Amino acid sequence: MLIFSRQGGSEVSVRVAGDGSFALHLEPGEYSIAAAPPAFGGTVEPASIRVPEAGSVYLRLHIARSP
């Protein structure tokens, strides 16, 4: 699962398919991104995204492992 959250708003979660794909609708704004549970002891990068007023956003995420 990926969790998208923004200040003053509710969290939006999405299940990631076996091939790593996902799709969801978010209202415009700035969101932080996290995996639940944390993936492989690392963090999701990029850790945030800005959703514009119009259009689509294509996002390629990866897991950054802690040293």
PDB file of N, CA and C in Angstrom:
ATOM      1  N   MET A   1       0.836  -1.184   0.000  1.00  0.00           N
ATOM      2  CA  MET A   1       0.000   0.000   0.000  1.00  0.00           C
ATOM      3  C   MET A   1       0.880   1.246   0.000  1.00  0.00           C
ATOM      4  N   LEU A   2       0.389   2.253  -0.697  1.00  0.00           N
ATOM      5  CA  LEU A   2       1.001   3.572  -0.635  1.00  0.00           C
ATOM      6  C   LEU A   2       0.003   4.502   0.047  1.00  0.00           C
ATOM      7  N   ILE A   3       0.525   5.386   0.878  1.00  0.00           N
ATOM      8  CA  ILE A   3      -0.300   6.359   1.599  1.00  0.00           C
ATOM      9  C   ILE A   3       0.102   7.757   1.136  1.00  0.00           C
ATOM     10  N   PHE A   4      -0.874   8.505   0.633  1.00  0.00           N
ATOM     11  CA  PHE A   4      -0.675   9.897   0.217  1.00  0.00           C
ATOM     12  C   PHE A   4      -1.380  10.764   1.255  1.00  0.00           C
ATOM     13  N   SER A   5      -0.667  11.705   1.864  1.00  0.00           N
ATOM     14  CA  SER A   5      -1.287  12.562   2.878  1.00  0.00           C
ATOM     15  C   SER A   5      -0.879  14.009   2.643  1.00  0.00           C
ATOM     16  N   ARG A   6      -1.791  14.890   2.998  1.00  0.00           N
ATOM     17  CA  ARG A   6      -1.499  16.322   2.885  1.00  0.00           C
ATOM     18  C   ARG A   6      -1.952  17.011   4.147  1.00  0.00           C
ATOM     19  N   GLN A   7      -1.298  18.121   4.436  1.00  0.00           N
ATOM     20  CA  GLN A   7      -1.588  18.884   5.641  1.00  0.00           C
ATOM     21  C   GLN A   7      -3.029  19.360   5.620  1.00  0.00           C
ATOM     22  N   GLY A   8      -3.747  19.098   6.685  1.00  0.00           N
ATOM     23  CA  GLY A   8      -5.129  19.535   6.786  1.00  0.00           C
ATOM     24  C   GLY A   8      -6.117  18.682   6.018  1.00  0.00           C
ATOM     25  N   GLY A   9      -5.667  17.601   5.413  1.00  0.00           N
ATOM     26  CA  GLY A   9      -6.544  16.728   4.638  1.00  0.00           C
ATOM     27  C   GLY A   9      -6.450  15.300   5.133  1.00  0.00           C
ATOM     28  N   SER A  10      -7.315  14.467   4.618  1.00  0.00           N
ATOM     29  CA  SER A  10      -7.286  13.070   5.029  1.00  0.00           C
ATOM     30  C   SER A  10      -6.296  12.289   4.167  1.00  0.00           C
ATOM     31  N   GLU A  11      -5.866  11.140   4.667  1.00  0.00           N
ATOM     32  CA  GLU A  11      -4.957  10.276   3.923  1.00  0.00           C
ATOM     33  C   GLU A  11      -5.713   9.517   2.839  1.00  0.00           C
ATOM     34  N   VAL A  12      -5.035   9.241   1.744  1.00  0.00           N
ATOM     35  CA  VAL A  12      -5.586   8.435   0.666  1.00  0.00           C
ATOM     36  C   VAL A  12      -4.628   7.266   0.473  1.00  0.00           C
ATOM     37  N   SER A  13      -5.159   6.051   0.530  1.00  0.00           N
ATOM     38  CA  SER A  13      -4.302   4.882   0.340  1.00  0.00           C
ATOM     39  C   SER A  13      -4.672   4.179  -0.955  1.00  0.00           C
ATOM     40  N   VAL A  14      -3.678   3.520  -1.541  1.00  0.00           N
ATOM     41  CA  VAL A  14      -3.886   2.798  -2.787  1.00  0.00           C
ATOM     42  C   VAL A  14      -3.074   1.506  -2.723  1.00  0.00           C
ATOM     43  N   ARG A  15      -3.664   0.437  -3.203  1.00  0.00           N
ATOM     44  CA  ARG A  15      -2.975  -0.854  -3.258  1.00  0.00           C
ATOM     45  C   ARG A  15      -2.123  -0.895  -4.520  1.00  0.00           C
ATOM     46  N   VAL A  16      -0.906  -1.371  -4.368  1.00  0.00           N
ATOM     47  CA  VAL A  16       0.024  -1.488  -5.484  1.00  0.00           C
ATOM     48  C   VAL A  16      -0.106  -2.891  -6.067  1.00  0.00           C
ATOM     49  N   ALA A  17      -0.252  -2.980  -7.388  1.00  0.00           N
ATOM     50  CA  ALA A  17      -0.381  -4.268  -8.076  1.00  0.00           C
ATOM     51  C   ALA A  17       0.952  -5.021  -8.050  1.00  0.00           C
ATOM     52  N   GLY A  18       0.909  -6.286  -8.357  1.00  0.00           N
ATOM     53  CA  GLY A  18       2.100  -7.115  -8.372  1.00  0.00           C
ATOM     54  C   GLY A  18       3.190  -6.598  -9.292  1.00  0.00           C
ATOM     55  N   ASP A  19       2.812  -5.906 -10.353  1.00  0.00           N
ATOM     56  CA  ASP A  19       3.802  -5.353 -11.280  1.00  0.00           C
ATOM     57  C   ASP A  19       4.286  -3.961 -10.864  1.00  0.00           C
ATOM     58  N   GLY A  20       3.812  -3.488  -9.694  1.00  0.00           N
ATOM     59  CA  GLY A  20       4.234  -2.187  -9.179  1.00  0.00           C
ATOM     60  C   GLY A  20       3.376  -1.020  -9.613  1.00  0.00           C
ATOM     61  N   SER A  21       2.340  -1.271 -10.408  1.00  0.00           N
ATOM     62  CA  SER A  21       1.506  -0.166 -10.892  1.00  0.00           C
ATOM     63  C   SER A  21       0.402   0.178  -9.894  1.00  0.00           C
ATOM     64  N   PHE A  22      -0.068   1.408  -9.985  1.00  0.00           N
ATOM     65  CA  PHE A  22      -1.198   1.870  -9.187  1.00  0.00           C
ATOM     66  C   PHE A  22      -1.795   3.083  -9.878  1.00  0.00           C
ATOM     67  N   ALA A  23      -3.037   3.398  -9.556  1.00  0.00           N
ATOM     68  CA  ALA A  23      -3.697   4.590 -10.078  1.00  0.00           C
ATOM     69  C   ALA A  23      -4.663   5.102  -9.021  1.00  0.00           C
ATOM     70  N   LEU A  24      -4.775   6.416  -8.907  1.00  0.00           N
ATOM     71  CA  LEU A  24      -5.716   7.009  -7.971  1.00  0.00           C
ATOM     72  C   LEU A  24      -5.985   8.452  -8.362  1.00  0.00           C
ATOM     73  N   HIS A  25      -7.026   9.020  -7.784  1.00  0.00           N
ATOM     74  CA  HIS A  25      -7.373  10.424  -8.003  1.00  0.00           C
ATOM     75  C   HIS A  25      -7.095  11.180  -6.718  1.00  0.00           C
ATOM     76  N   LEU A  26      -6.349  12.279  -6.833  1.00  0.00           N
ATOM     77  CA  LEU A  26      -6.073  13.151  -5.697  1.00  0.00           C
ATOM     78  C   LEU A  26      -6.499  14.564  -6.035  1.00  0.00           C
ATOM     79  N   GLU A  27      -7.010  15.266  -5.059  1.00  0.00           N
ATOM     80  CA  GLU A  27      -7.329  16.680  -5.221  1.00  0.00           C
ATOM     81  C   GLU A  27      -6.015  17.447  -5.377  1.00  0.00           C
ATOM     82  N   PRO A  28      -6.040  18.606  -6.029  1.00  0.00           N
ATOM     83  CA  PRO A  28      -4.814  19.391  -6.183  1.00  0.00           C
ATOM     84  C   PRO A  28      -4.187  19.717  -4.831  1.00  0.00           C
ATOM     85  N   GLY A  29      -2.859  19.760  -4.806  1.00  0.00           N
ATOM     86  CA  GLY A  29      -2.149  20.108  -3.576  1.00  0.00           C
ATOM     87  C   GLY A  29      -0.844  19.354  -3.432  1.00  0.00           C
ATOM     88  N   GLU A  30      -0.191  19.574  -2.298  1.00  0.00           N
ATOM     89  CA  GLU A  30       1.085  18.935  -1.968  1.00  0.00           C
ATOM     90  C   GLU A  30       0.814  17.722  -1.084  1.00  0.00           C
ATOM     91  N   TYR A  31       1.395  16.585  -1.446  1.00  0.00           N
ATOM     92  CA  TYR A  31       1.196  15.338  -0.713  1.00  0.00           C
ATOM     93  C   TYR A  31       2.529  14.719  -0.341  1.00  0.00           C
ATOM     94  N   SER A  32       2.592  14.129   0.846  1.00  0.00           N
ATOM     95  CA  SER A  32       3.730  13.288   1.196  1.00  0.00           C
ATOM     96  C   SER A  32       3.341  11.852   0.850  1.00  0.00           C
ATOM     97  N   ILE A  33       4.344  11.025   0.555  1.00  0.00           N
ATOM     98  CA  ILE A  33       4.111   9.660   0.115  1.00  0.00           C
ATOM     99  C   ILE A  33       4.876   8.712   1.038  1.00  0.00           C
ATOM    100  N   ALA A  34       4.205   7.655   1.481  1.00  0.00           N
ATOM    101  CA  ALA A  34       4.843   6.642   2.320  1.00  0.00           C
ATOM    102  C   ALA A  34       4.287   5.274   1.954  1.00  0.00           C
ATOM    103  N   ALA A  35       5.070   4.246   2.227  1.00  0.00           N
ATOM    104  CA  ALA A  35       4.625   2.871   2.027  1.00  0.00           C
ATOM    105  C   ALA A  35       4.122   2.334   3.356  1.00  0.00           C
ATOM    106  N   ALA A  36       3.104   1.499   3.308  1.00  0.00           N
ATOM    107  CA  ALA A  36       2.561   0.894   4.526  1.00  0.00           C
ATOM    108  C   ALA A  36       2.356  -0.598   4.285  1.00  0.00           C
ATOM    109  N   PRO A  37       3.051  -1.451   4.997  1.00  0.00           N
ATOM    110  CA  PRO A  37       4.134  -1.135   5.936  1.00  0.00           C
ATOM    111  C   PRO A  37       5.350  -0.638   5.173  1.00  0.00           C
ATOM    112  N   PRO A  38       6.314  -0.038   5.885  1.00  0.00           N
ATOM    113  CA  PRO A  38       7.515   0.453   5.200  1.00  0.00           C
ATOM    114  C   PRO A  38       8.143  -0.671   4.372  1.00  0.00           C
ATOM    115  N   ALA A  39       8.468  -0.368   3.137  1.00  0.00           N
ATOM    116  CA  ALA A  39       8.944  -1.386   2.205  1.00  0.00           C
ATOM    117  C   ALA A  39      10.420  -1.701   2.393  1.00  0.00           C
ATOM    118  N   PHE A  40      10.727  -2.939   2.681  1.00  0.00           N
ATOM    119  CA  PHE A  40      12.105  -3.427   2.739  1.00  0.00           C
ATOM    120  C   PHE A  40      12.995  -2.588   3.654  1.00  0.00           C
ATOM    121  N   GLY A  41      12.425  -2.003   4.693  1.00  0.00           N
ATOM    122  CA  GLY A  41      13.208  -1.203   5.624  1.00  0.00           C
ATOM    123  C   GLY A  41      13.701   0.108   5.047  1.00  0.00           C
ATOM    124  N   GLY A  42      13.103   0.560   3.958  1.00  0.00           N
ATOM    125  CA  GLY A  42      13.529   1.800   3.323  1.00  0.00           C
ATOM    126  C   GLY A  42      12.401   2.812   3.253  1.00  0.00           C
ATOM    127  N   THR A  43      12.640   3.869   2.505  1.00  0.00           N
ATOM    128  CA  THR A  43      11.635   4.915   2.327  1.00  0.00           C
ATOM    129  C   THR A  43      11.322   5.078   0.843  1.00  0.00           C
ATOM    130  N   VAL A  44      10.158   5.608   0.571  1.00  0.00           N
ATOM    131  CA  VAL A  44       9.727   5.845  -0.809  1.00  0.00           C
ATOM    132  C   VAL A  44      10.364   7.145  -1.301  1.00  0.00           C
ATOM    133  N   GLU A  45      10.901   7.111  -2.510  1.00  0.00           N
ATOM    134  CA  GLU A  45      11.428   8.320  -3.144  1.00  0.00           C
ATOM    135  C   GLU A  45      10.832   8.455  -4.527  1.00  0.00           C
ATOM    136  N   PRO A  46      10.363   9.633  -4.921  1.00  0.00           N
ATOM    137  CA  PRO A  46      10.346  10.835  -4.104  1.00  0.00           C
ATOM    138  C   PRO A  46       9.345  10.689  -2.958  1.00  0.00           C
ATOM    139  N   ALA A  47       9.553  11.451  -1.900  1.00  0.00           N
ATOM    140  CA  ALA A  47       8.712  11.353  -0.707  1.00  0.00           C
ATOM    141  C   ALA A  47       7.543  12.322  -0.745  1.00  0.00           C
ATOM    142  N   SER A  48       7.452  13.127  -1.817  1.00  0.00           N
ATOM    143  CA  SER A  48       6.333  14.070  -1.928  1.00  0.00           C
ATOM    144  C   SER A  48       6.040  14.331  -3.398  1.00  0.00           C
ATOM    145  N   ILE A  49       4.850  14.890  -3.623  1.00  0.00           N
ATOM    146  CA  ILE A  49       4.416  15.206  -4.987  1.00  0.00           C
ATOM    147  C   ILE A  49       3.466  16.406  -4.926  1.00  0.00           C
ATOM    148  N   ARG A  50       3.486  17.206  -5.990  1.00  0.00           N
ATOM    149  CA  ARG A  50       2.520  18.305  -6.126  1.00  0.00           C
ATOM    150  C   ARG A  50       1.553  17.916  -7.228  1.00  0.00           C
ATOM    151  N   VAL A  51       0.268  17.877  -6.885  1.00  0.00           N
ATOM    152  CA  VAL A  51      -0.788  17.560  -7.850  1.00  0.00           C
ATOM    153  C   VAL A  51      -1.335  18.885  -8.377  1.00  0.00           C
ATOM    154  N   PRO A  52      -1.256  19.116  -9.692  1.00  0.00           N
ATOM    155  CA  PRO A  52      -1.715  20.389 -10.259  1.00  0.00           C
ATOM    156  C   PRO A  52      -3.242  20.463 -10.344  1.00  0.00           C
ATOM    157  N   GLU A  53      -3.730  21.654 -10.657  1.00  0.00           N
ATOM    158  CA  GLU A  53      -5.176  21.882 -10.795  1.00  0.00           C
ATOM    159  C   GLU A  53      -5.781  21.060 -11.937  1.00  0.00           C
ATOM    160  N   ALA A  54      -5.024  20.863 -13.021  1.00  0.00           N
ATOM    161  CA  ALA A  54      -5.548  20.131 -14.185  1.00  0.00           C
ATOM    162  C   ALA A  54      -4.468  19.212 -14.738  1.00  0.00           C
ATOM    163  N   GLY A  55      -4.907  18.167 -15.394  1.00  0.00           N
ATOM    164  CA  GLY A  55      -3.968  17.263 -16.042  1.00  0.00           C
ATOM    165  C   GLY A  55      -3.707  16.019 -15.212  1.00  0.00           C
ATOM    166  N   SER A  56      -2.772  15.235 -15.697  1.00  0.00           N
ATOM    167  CA  SER A  56      -2.382  13.992 -15.044  1.00  0.00           C
ATOM    168  C   SER A  56      -0.941  14.071 -14.592  1.00  0.00           C
ATOM    169  N   VAL A  57      -0.623  13.288 -13.586  1.00  0.00           N
ATOM    170  CA  VAL A  57       0.747  13.183 -13.101  1.00  0.00           C
ATOM    171  C   VAL A  57       1.152  11.723 -13.217  1.00  0.00           C
ATOM    172  N   TYR A  58       2.292  11.479 -13.839  1.00  0.00           N
ATOM    173  CA  TYR A  58       2.852  10.138 -13.909  1.00  0.00           C
ATOM    174  C   TYR A  58       4.024  10.106 -12.944  1.00  0.00           C
ATOM    175  N   LEU A  59       3.990   9.150 -12.058  1.00  0.00           N
ATOM    176  CA  LEU A  59       4.946   9.120 -10.957  1.00  0.00           C
ATOM    177  C   LEU A  59       5.698   7.801 -10.985  1.00  0.00           C
ATOM    178  N   ARG A  60       7.014   7.869 -10.926  1.00  0.00           N
ATOM    179  CA  ARG A  60       7.845   6.670 -10.853  1.00  0.00           C
ATOM    180  C   ARG A  60       8.524   6.701  -9.487  1.00  0.00           C
ATOM    181  N   LEU A  61       8.176   5.748  -8.647  1.00  0.00           N
ATOM    182  CA  LEU A  61       8.710   5.681  -7.299  1.00  0.00           C
ATOM    183  C   LEU A  61       9.744   4.567  -7.183  1.00  0.00           C
ATOM    184  N   HIS A  62      10.638   4.707  -6.217  1.00  0.00           N
ATOM    185  CA  HIS A  62      11.530   3.608  -5.884  1.00  0.00           C
ATOM    186  C   HIS A  62      11.764   3.603  -4.375  1.00  0.00           C
ATOM    187  N   ILE A  63      12.286   2.486  -3.877  1.00  0.00           N
ATOM    188  CA  ILE A  63      12.555   2.340  -2.457  1.00  0.00           C
ATOM    189  C   ILE A  63      14.033   2.618  -2.216  1.00  0.00           C
ATOM    190  N   ALA A  64      14.301   3.563  -1.331  1.00  0.00           N
ATOM    191  CA  ALA A  64      15.679   3.885  -0.932  1.00  0.00           C
ATOM    192  C   ALA A  64      15.930   3.193   0.391  1.00  0.00           C
ATOM    193  N   ARG A  65      16.875   2.281   0.405  1.00  0.00           N
ATOM    194  CA  ARG A  65      17.190   1.537   1.617  1.00  0.00           C
ATOM    195  C   ARG A  65      18.107   2.370   2.503  1.00  0.00           C
ATOM    196  N   SER A  66      17.879   2.273   3.794  1.00  0.00           N
ATOM    197  CA  SER A  66      18.713   2.979   4.762  1.00  0.00           C
ATOM    198  C   SER A  66      20.051   2.258   4.896  1.00  0.00           C
ATOM    199  N   PRO A  67      21.144   3.029   5.054  1.00  0.00           N
ATOM    200  CA  PRO A  67      22.468   2.382   5.181  1.00  0.00           C
ATOM    201  C   PRO A  67      22.619   1.599   6.465  1.00  0.00           C
TER     202      PRO A  67
END
